[in-house]
Amino acid sequence: MIEYRVIKSRRTFSDNPITVRKDEKVMCGEESNEDGDWAGWIFCNSENNEGWIPKEIINRSGDIGFILEDYDAREFDIEVDEIIIMDKTLNGWIWGAKKGDPFTKAWTPLNHLEEV
């Protein structure tokens, strides 16, 4: 179990993050800048929402994509010195839980954390 300490506070930008299920069809749009801070993401429209999805979990053909695994774009609001316990990393983000609340999972950007 790897723990990270928050070194820079951050508030989420989305009140309604995209959630997609395996085999769901999405419309693929803009790709993130491969040379920027957030490489490896595609902006997608699902039946009910829109948002950034990691391209590793999209089987894409042109503008159409099918999701390869369940994905939830929920992000934590974070404050300096909070501890995040990592489940996995993907494209500059950590999916995990805040210490003391193992059942609530969300994403946190790696550039706001340092390994403990």
Protein backbone atom coordinates (compact mmCIF):
# COMPACT_ATOMS: atom_id res chain seq x y z
CA MET A 1 0.00 0.00 0.00
CA ILE A 2 1.63 3.26 -1.15
CA GLU A 3 0.69 6.50 0.59
CA TYR A 4 1.00 10.02 -0.76
CA ARG A 5 0.85 13.34 1.10
CA VAL A 6 -0.94 16.27 -0.49
CA ILE A 7 1.53 19.12 -1.09
CA LYS A 8 -0.82 21.43 -3.02
CA SER A 9 -4.52 21.99 -2.35
CA ARG A 10 -7.02 21.58 -5.19
CA ARG A 11 -10.75 21.79 -5.80
CA THR A 12 -12.49 19.72 -8.47
CA PHE A 13 -13.83 21.42 -11.56
CA SER A 14 -16.72 19.07 -12.29
CA ASP A 15 -19.96 18.83 -10.34
CA ASN A 16 -21.07 15.91 -12.50
CA PRO A 17 -18.08 13.71 -13.48
CA ILE A 18 -18.52 11.22 -16.29
CA THR A 19 -19.06 7.57 -15.38
CA VAL A 20 -19.03 4.86 -18.04
CA ARG A 21 -19.40 1.10 -18.00
CA LYS A 22 -17.57 -1.63 -19.86
CA ASP A 23 -18.82 -2.01 -23.46
CA GLU A 24 -20.57 1.39 -23.39
CA LYS A 25 -20.39 3.36 -26.64
CA VAL A 26 -18.97 6.91 -26.53
CA MET A 27 -18.30 9.65 -29.05
CA CYS A 28 -14.60 10.59 -28.98
CA GLY A 29 -13.46 14.15 -29.47
CA GLU A 30 -10.41 16.15 -28.50
CA GLU A 31 -7.27 14.38 -27.25
CA SER A 32 -5.12 15.90 -24.52
CA ASN A 33 -1.73 17.31 -25.42
CA GLU A 34 0.79 14.44 -25.32
CA ASP A 35 3.51 16.92 -24.31
CA GLY A 36 1.40 18.57 -21.59
CA ASP A 37 0.66 17.78 -17.96
CA TRP A 38 -2.30 15.53 -18.77
CA ALA A 39 -1.17 13.23 -21.60
CA GLY A 40 -3.27 10.18 -22.50
CA TRP A 41 -6.86 11.47 -22.21
CA ILE A 42 -9.74 11.77 -24.69
CA PHE A 43 -12.76 14.03 -24.23
CA CYS A 44 -15.83 11.84 -24.75
CA ASN A 45 -19.60 12.14 -24.85
CA SER A 46 -21.63 9.30 -23.38
CA GLU A 47 -25.38 8.90 -23.52
CA ASN A 48 -25.77 10.88 -20.29
CA ASN A 49 -22.64 12.99 -19.81
CA GLU A 50 -19.30 14.18 -21.13
CA GLY A 51 -15.77 14.29 -19.81
CA TRP A 52 -12.17 13.13 -20.06
CA ILE A 53 -11.53 9.37 -20.20
CA PRO A 54 -8.12 7.63 -20.30
CA LYS A 55 -7.42 6.51 -23.85
CA GLU A 56 -6.06 3.16 -22.58
CA ILE A 57 -9.59 2.08 -21.73
CA ILE A 58 -11.18 3.08 -25.06
CA ASN A 59 -11.29 0.83 -28.11
CA ARG A 60 -11.50 3.64 -30.62
CA SER A 61 -12.31 3.64 -34.32
CA GLY A 62 -12.53 7.19 -35.63
CA ASP A 63 -14.99 9.19 -33.55
CA ILE A 64 -16.63 6.10 -31.99
CA GLY A 65 -15.22 4.30 -28.97
CA PHE A 66 -16.22 1.39 -26.78
CA ILE A 67 -15.20 1.36 -23.12
CA LEU A 68 -12.98 -1.57 -22.09
CA GLU A 69 -13.55 -1.30 -18.30
CA ASP A 70 -15.76 0.59 -15.88
CA TYR A 71 -14.52 4.14 -15.28
CA ASP A 72 -15.55 6.88 -12.83
CA ALA A 73 -14.02 10.36 -13.26
CA ARG A 74 -14.79 11.46 -9.69
CA GLU A 75 -12.01 13.62 -8.19
CA PHE A 76 -11.19 14.51 -4.59
CA ASP A 77 -11.06 18.02 -3.22
CA ILE A 78 -7.72 17.94 -1.40
CA GLU A 79 -5.95 19.97 1.28
CA VAL A 80 -2.25 20.11 2.14
CA ASP A 81 -1.08 17.26 4.44
CA GLU A 82 -4.01 14.92 3.71
CA ILE A 83 -2.90 11.36 2.96
CA ILE A 84 -4.09 9.50 -0.15
CA ILE A 85 -3.73 5.70 -0.26
CA MET A 86 -3.12 4.58 -3.84
CA ASP A 87 -5.01 1.77 -5.57
CA LYS A 88 -3.61 2.53 -9.05
CA THR A 89 -2.03 5.26 -11.16
CA LEU A 90 -3.04 6.30 -14.65
CA ASN A 91 -1.87 9.16 -16.85
CA GLY A 92 -0.59 11.38 -14.05
CA TRP A 93 -3.41 10.63 -11.59
CA ILE A 94 -3.87 8.33 -8.60
CA TRP A 95 -7.09 6.42 -7.91
CA GLY A 96 -7.42 5.74 -4.22
CA ALA A 97 -8.90 6.72 -0.88
CA LYS A 98 -8.18 9.31 1.76
CA LYS A 99 -6.64 7.87 4.89
CA GLY A 100 -9.42 7.17 7.39
CA ASP A 101 -12.09 6.73 4.67
CA PRO A 102 -11.20 3.55 2.72
CA PHE A 103 -14.61 3.20 1.08
CA THR A 104 -14.72 6.53 -0.77
CA LYS A 105 -12.53 6.39 -3.90
CA ALA A 106 -11.62 9.16 -6.33
CA TRP A 107 -8.81 10.56 -8.47
CA THR A 108 -6.05 12.93 -7.31
CA PRO A 109 -3.41 14.48 -9.62
CA LEU A 110 0.11 13.21 -8.97
CA ASN A 111 1.58 16.70 -9.38
CA HIS A 112 -0.20 17.67 -6.13
CA LEU A 113 1.31 14.77 -4.14
CA GLU A 114 4.55 13.38 -2.81
CA GLU A 115 5.16 9.77 -1.82
CA VAL A 116 5.37 9.28 1.96
